[in-house]
Amino acid sequence: MGQQSRARTAARARTAEMRAAQAQQQRRRRLWRAMSSVGVVLLLVTGLIALKIAGVGGSKPSSAAPSTLASRAVVDAVGTVPKSVLNTIGTGTASSVPKPIRAPALSVAGKPELLYVGAEYCPYCAAQRWALAVALARFGSWSGLGATHSSSADIFPNTPTLSFHGSSYASEFLTFAGYEITSNVRSGTGYAPLDPLPATVSSLVDTFNPQGSIPFVDVGGKYTMTGASFSPDVLAGLTQEQVAAALSDPTSPVAKAIDGTANVLTASICNVTDGKPGSVCGAPGVVAAKAKLANG
């Protein structure tokens, strides 16, 4: 009996060991499944992060597309803002004006010249170009104006605008030289170059704009201006066609900003064209802008 008892005890011990081993194995399987699930989740998260960084399925900003020719509707709207609208708006919401300078006259072939230096990626250039285009259209005509947006990776991204790159301007009263030094297309750590500055222009910019701010405007060697006269935010979310259409609505914030600035720029141009043409320089909106220019 003692031997049988010892055999039963040994058998029970082996059974207990087997059950313990099985239980431990089951715990290991559960732990492995849990760890595997976590690993899958981590892999998925890592993959999504990698895709986001790579721009796949995400919203990583990319540079705006290169400029194209502005539509006929846009060019016509810029060149035909009603006089009544310009006179009603006066200086509108223009917050800054060209400043007088002491410098030799800036002219070409006996005509005063308006010099513009900017870049297509620049949102402040994007805003100010509209006003420049409207102001200059009162003295002459445009051809080849471009349509583009400021950089999508800068402040006020994708501001709709025109481009002076490749454009031409004809007037019996003045000349225009416009330089877009870079595009809005990324190249390395900056943007692809467009219009190189001649040495004479670089020297002028260095003298009157040592900080290199853009946009930079020189009106006949008598006035200079840097930056925009209104916030590019006014144009946010609009197309070029929508901006152009709003220019003729005196109640529109777009018109108050662009047309008001155009009147101020027109007043400065009139001061270098000897008040010609009289139909433009004597307009009530320009006269109001002259007063703001004088009080600058």
Protein backbone atom coordinates (compact mmCIF):
# COMPACT_ATOMS: atom_id res chain seq x y z
CA MET A 1 0.00 0.00 0.00
CA GLY A 2 2.83 2.37 0.81
CA GLN A 3 4.27 1.87 -2.65
CA GLN A 4 0.91 2.50 -4.37
CA SER A 5 0.42 5.62 -2.29
CA ARG A 6 3.80 6.93 -3.33
CA ALA A 7 2.94 6.17 -7.00
CA ARG A 8 -0.35 8.07 -6.77
CA THR A 9 1.42 11.00 -5.14
CA ALA A 10 4.04 11.05 -7.86
CA ALA A 11 1.33 10.88 -10.54
CA ARG A 12 -0.53 13.79 -8.97
CA ALA A 13 2.71 15.78 -8.86
CA ARG A 14 3.42 15.15 -12.56
CA THR A 15 -0.16 16.16 -13.45
CA ALA A 16 0.21 19.35 -11.45
CA GLU A 17 3.49 20.10 -13.19
CA MET A 18 1.91 19.53 -16.61
CA ARG A 19 -1.04 21.77 -15.76
CA ALA A 20 1.32 24.46 -14.48
CA ALA A 21 3.37 24.22 -17.67
CA GLN A 22 0.24 24.44 -19.80
CA ALA A 23 -1.02 27.45 -17.83
CA GLN A 24 2.35 29.17 -18.21
CA GLN A 25 2.32 28.45 -21.94
CA GLN A 26 -1.19 29.89 -22.25
CA ARG A 27 -0.08 33.05 -20.40
CA ARG A 28 2.85 33.39 -22.79
CA ARG A 29 0.53 33.05 -25.79
CA ARG A 30 -1.82 35.74 -24.42
CA LEU A 31 1.13 38.04 -23.73
CA TRP A 32 2.54 37.48 -27.21
CA ARG A 33 -0.84 38.21 -28.83
CA ALA A 34 -1.15 41.39 -26.82
CA MET A 35 2.37 42.49 -27.73
CA SER A 36 1.75 41.64 -31.37
CA SER A 37 -1.40 43.77 -31.39
CA VAL A 38 0.49 46.70 -29.90
CA GLY A 39 3.24 46.19 -32.45
CA VAL A 40 0.76 46.29 -35.32
CA VAL A 41 -0.76 49.49 -33.97
CA LEU A 42 2.69 51.04 -33.61
CA LEU A 43 3.59 50.03 -37.14
CA LEU A 44 0.37 51.56 -38.45
CA VAL A 45 0.94 54.80 -36.55
CA THR A 46 4.55 54.97 -37.71
CA GLY A 47 3.46 54.35 -41.26
CA LEU A 48 0.83 57.09 -41.11
CA ILE A 49 3.36 59.52 -39.71
CA ALA A 50 5.78 58.66 -42.48
CA LEU A 51 3.07 59.17 -45.08
CA LYS A 52 2.12 62.49 -43.53
CA ILE A 53 5.73 63.66 -43.65
CA ALA A 54 6.02 62.51 -47.24
CA GLY A 55 2.84 64.39 -48.12
CA VAL A 56 0.86 61.28 -49.15
CA GLY A 57 -2.77 61.71 -48.15
CA GLY A 58 -1.85 64.68 -46.00
CA SER A 59 -1.93 68.44 -46.39
CA LYS A 60 1.73 69.34 -46.53
CA PRO A 61 1.99 72.80 -48.15
CA SER A 62 3.53 72.93 -51.59
CA SER A 63 4.61 75.90 -53.65
CA ALA A 64 2.02 77.56 -55.81
CA ALA A 65 2.03 76.88 -59.53
CA PRO A 66 4.07 79.09 -61.87
CA SER A 67 2.35 82.16 -63.25
CA THR A 68 0.17 82.01 -66.36
CA LEU A 69 -1.30 84.81 -68.47
CA ALA A 70 -4.06 86.70 -66.72
CA SER A 71 -7.48 86.29 -68.32
CA ARG A 72 -8.87 89.03 -70.54
CA ALA A 73 -11.63 89.61 -67.98
CA VAL A 74 -9.05 90.31 -65.26
CA VAL A 75 -6.93 92.61 -67.43
CA ASP A 76 -10.00 94.53 -68.61
CA ALA A 77 -11.31 94.93 -65.06
CA VAL A 78 -7.95 96.24 -63.85
CA GLY A 79 -7.81 98.75 -66.69
CA THR A 80 -11.38 100.00 -66.51
CA VAL A 81 -12.15 100.68 -62.84
CA PRO A 82 -14.87 103.38 -63.07
CA LYS A 83 -13.76 106.90 -62.22
CA SER A 84 -16.83 107.25 -60.04
CA VAL A 85 -15.69 104.31 -57.91
CA LEU A 86 -12.14 105.64 -57.56
CA ASN A 87 -13.46 109.08 -56.61
CA THR A 88 -15.90 107.64 -54.08
CA ILE A 89 -13.23 105.53 -52.39
CA GLY A 90 -10.54 108.23 -52.24
CA THR A 91 -7.71 106.81 -50.13
CA GLY A 92 -9.93 104.00 -48.87
CA THR A 93 -8.13 101.80 -46.37
CA ALA A 94 -4.62 102.51 -47.65
CA SER A 95 -2.48 102.63 -44.53
CA SER A 96 0.81 103.89 -45.96
CA VAL A 97 1.97 106.18 -48.77
CA PRO A 98 5.14 106.69 -50.82
CA LYS A 99 7.79 108.75 -49.03
CA PRO A 100 9.68 111.63 -50.71
CA ILE A 101 13.40 111.16 -51.34
CA ARG A 102 16.26 113.32 -52.58
CA ALA A 103 17.73 111.61 -55.59
CA PRO A 104 18.46 112.17 -59.27
CA ALA A 105 15.39 111.88 -61.46
CA LEU A 106 14.65 108.33 -62.57
CA SER A 107 13.72 108.48 -66.22
CA VAL A 108 14.00 106.71 -69.57
CA ALA A 109 13.83 108.43 -72.97
CA GLY A 110 12.72 111.65 -71.34
CA LYS A 111 9.86 110.06 -69.41
CA PRO A 112 9.77 109.49 -65.65
CA GLU A 113 10.07 105.82 -64.72
CA LEU A 114 8.27 103.82 -62.08
CA LEU A 115 10.48 101.00 -60.80
CA TYR A 116 9.08 97.95 -59.05
CA VAL A 117 11.12 95.16 -57.43
CA GLY A 118 9.28 92.20 -55.93
CA ALA A 119 8.90 88.43 -56.08
CA GLU A 120 6.05 86.09 -56.94
CA TYR A 121 6.27 84.18 -53.64
CA CYS A 122 5.84 87.38 -51.59
CA PRO A 123 2.31 87.97 -50.17
CA TYR A 124 2.87 91.72 -49.68
CA CYS A 125 3.98 92.02 -53.30
CA ALA A 126 0.86 90.05 -54.23
CA ALA A 127 -1.34 92.66 -52.56
CA GLN A 128 0.48 95.75 -53.80
CA ARG A 129 0.69 94.57 -57.44
CA TRP A 130 -3.08 94.97 -57.82
CA ALA A 131 -2.92 98.62 -56.82
CA LEU A 132 0.11 99.28 -59.01
CA ALA A 133 -1.61 97.69 -62.00
CA VAL A 134 -4.75 99.78 -61.46
CA ALA A 135 -2.79 103.01 -60.97
CA LEU A 136 -0.57 102.50 -64.03
CA ALA A 137 -3.58 101.55 -66.19
CA ARG A 138 -4.80 105.12 -65.72
CA PHE A 139 -1.72 106.41 -67.58
CA GLY A 140 -1.30 103.68 -70.21
CA SER A 141 -2.05 100.07 -71.08
CA TRP A 142 -0.85 96.60 -70.09
CA SER A 143 -0.07 93.52 -72.10
CA GLY A 144 1.18 90.15 -70.95
CA LEU A 145 0.19 90.53 -67.30
CA GLY A 146 0.56 87.25 -65.46
CA ALA A 147 -1.75 85.57 -62.95
CA THR A 148 -0.31 83.75 -59.98
CA HIS A 149 -0.44 83.28 -56.19
CA SER A 150 1.98 84.00 -53.41
CA SER A 151 3.73 81.03 -51.82
CA SER A 152 1.56 78.48 -50.05
CA ALA A 153 4.28 78.05 -47.42
CA ASP A 154 4.49 81.72 -46.36
CA ILE A 155 2.30 84.03 -44.30
CA PHE A 156 -1.00 84.85 -46.07
CA PRO A 157 -0.58 81.75 -48.22
CA ASN A 158 -1.81 81.61 -51.82
CA THR A 159 -2.74 85.27 -52.03
CA PRO A 160 -4.20 85.72 -55.56
CA THR A 161 -2.32 88.25 -57.61
CA LEU A 162 -0.90 89.39 -60.92
CA SER A 163 2.70 89.08 -62.04
CA PHE A 164 4.83 91.64 -63.86
CA HIS A 165 7.24 88.97 -65.09
CA GLY A 166 7.13 88.99 -68.89
CA SER A 167 4.62 91.84 -69.04
CA SER A 168 4.94 95.08 -70.98
CA TYR A 169 3.52 98.54 -70.41
CA ALA A 170 2.98 101.42 -72.83
CA SER A 171 2.28 105.04 -71.89
CA GLU A 172 2.94 108.49 -73.32
CA PHE A 173 3.45 109.83 -69.80
CA LEU A 174 5.88 107.45 -68.09
CA THR A 175 7.73 104.15 -68.36
CA PHE A 176 7.61 101.09 -66.12
CA ALA A 177 10.31 98.63 -65.15
CA GLY A 178 9.10 95.63 -63.14
CA TYR A 179 11.35 92.92 -61.74
CA GLU A 180 10.05 89.73 -60.14
CA ILE A 181 13.34 88.47 -58.74
CA THR A 182 12.03 84.97 -57.94
CA SER A 183 9.02 82.83 -58.71
CA ASN A 184 6.78 81.07 -56.19
CA VAL A 185 8.26 77.68 -57.10
CA ARG A 186 10.58 76.18 -54.50
CA SER A 187 14.19 75.61 -55.47
CA GLY A 188 16.52 74.29 -52.77
CA THR A 189 16.03 76.43 -49.67
CA GLY A 190 14.49 79.31 -51.62
CA TYR A 191 12.58 80.00 -54.81
CA ALA A 192 13.53 79.70 -58.46
CA PRO A 193 15.06 82.90 -59.88
CA LEU A 194 13.20 84.96 -62.49
CA ASP A 195 14.31 88.51 -63.33
CA PRO A 196 17.92 89.44 -62.50
CA LEU A 197 18.43 93.03 -61.39
CA PRO A 198 20.70 95.20 -63.55
CA ALA A 199 23.63 96.71 -61.68
CA THR A 200 22.09 100.18 -61.79
CA VAL A 201 18.86 98.91 -60.22
CA SER A 202 20.75 96.95 -57.56
CA SER A 203 22.69 100.09 -56.66
CA LEU A 204 19.50 102.13 -56.38
CA VAL A 205 17.85 99.49 -54.20
CA ASP A 206 20.92 99.27 -51.96
CA THR A 207 20.83 103.05 -51.48
CA PHE A 208 17.14 103.56 -50.76
CA ASN A 209 16.17 100.13 -49.50
CA PRO A 210 19.21 98.80 -47.60
CA GLN A 211 17.06 96.27 -45.72
CA GLY A 212 16.11 94.68 -49.03
CA SER A 213 12.38 94.79 -48.23
CA ILE A 214 9.92 93.86 -50.97
CA PRO A 215 7.94 95.08 -52.69
CA PHE A 216 10.05 98.15 -53.40
CA VAL A 217 8.75 100.97 -55.58
CA ASP A 218 10.59 104.06 -56.83
CA VAL A 219 8.43 106.71 -58.50
CA GLY A 220 10.61 108.75 -60.83
CA GLY A 221 13.37 109.19 -58.25
CA LYS A 222 11.02 111.38 -56.22
CA TYR A 223 9.24 108.85 -54.00
CA THR A 224 9.96 105.37 -52.71
CA MET A 225 7.75 102.85 -50.98
CA THR A 226 8.31 99.45 -49.42
CA GLY A 227 5.79 96.86 -48.33
CA ALA A 228 2.06 96.83 -48.95
CA SER A 229 -0.45 99.55 -48.11
CA PHE A 230 -3.00 97.02 -46.88
CA SER A 231 -3.08 93.51 -45.47
CA PRO A 232 -3.01 90.65 -48.00
CA ASP A 233 -5.63 89.00 -45.80
CA VAL A 234 -8.25 91.11 -47.61
CA LEU A 235 -7.71 88.87 -50.65
CA ALA A 236 -7.75 85.53 -48.83
CA GLY A 237 -9.72 82.76 -50.51
CA LEU A 238 -10.50 84.75 -53.65
CA THR A 239 -9.63 84.08 -57.27
CA GLN A 240 -8.06 86.65 -59.58
CA GLU A 241 -11.43 87.01 -61.30
CA GLN A 242 -13.20 87.68 -58.01
CA VAL A 243 -10.63 90.29 -56.97
CA ALA A 244 -10.85 91.99 -60.36
CA ALA A 245 -14.66 92.04 -60.28
CA ALA A 246 -14.66 93.57 -56.78
CA LEU A 247 -12.59 96.55 -57.95
CA SER A 248 -15.72 98.22 -59.31
CA ASP A 249 -17.74 97.84 -56.10
CA PRO A 250 -17.10 100.86 -53.83
CA THR A 251 -18.55 99.00 -50.83
CA SER A 252 -16.15 96.07 -51.18
CA PRO A 253 -13.22 95.78 -48.73
CA VAL A 254 -11.16 94.67 -51.73
CA ALA A 255 -11.92 97.89 -53.64
CA LYS A 256 -11.37 100.07 -50.59
CA ALA A 257 -7.91 98.55 -50.14
CA ILE A 258 -6.76 98.26 -53.77
CA ASP A 259 -8.46 101.32 -55.29
CA GLY A 260 -7.54 103.45 -52.27
CA THR A 261 -3.89 102.46 -52.66
CA ALA A 262 -4.14 102.99 -56.43
CA ASN A 263 -5.27 106.59 -55.82
CA VAL A 264 -2.31 107.19 -53.52
CA LEU A 265 0.11 105.74 -56.07
CA THR A 266 -1.60 107.75 -58.83
CA ALA A 267 -1.05 110.95 -56.83
CA SER A 268 2.67 110.21 -56.54
CA ILE A 269 2.88 109.48 -60.28
CA CYS A 270 1.09 112.75 -61.06
CA ASN A 271 3.81 114.57 -59.15
CA VAL A 272 6.43 113.28 -61.61
CA THR A 273 4.35 113.67 -64.81
CA ASP A 274 3.68 117.35 -64.12
CA GLY A 275 0.03 116.61 -63.45
CA LYS A 276 -0.59 114.83 -66.75
CA PRO A 277 -3.02 113.72 -67.85
CA GLY A 278 -5.27 116.31 -66.22
CA SER A 279 -8.31 114.06 -66.42
CA VAL A 280 -6.56 111.64 -64.06
CA CYS A 281 -4.50 113.95 -61.87
CA GLY A 282 -7.40 116.34 -61.28
CA ALA A 283 -9.88 113.64 -60.28
CA PRO A 284 -11.38 114.09 -56.79
CA GLY A 285 -10.07 110.72 -55.59
CA VAL A 286 -6.52 111.63 -56.65
CA VAL A 287 -6.79 115.10 -55.14
CA ALA A 288 -7.80 113.51 -51.82
CA ALA A 289 -4.83 111.14 -52.13
CA LYS A 290 -2.47 114.08 -52.79
CA ALA A 291 -3.45 115.54 -49.43
CA LYS A 292 -2.64 112.24 -47.72
CA LEU A 293 0.61 112.04 -49.66
CA ALA A 294 1.61 115.53 -48.49
CA ASN A 295 0.82 114.66 -44.88
CA GLY A 296 2.50 111.22 -45.30
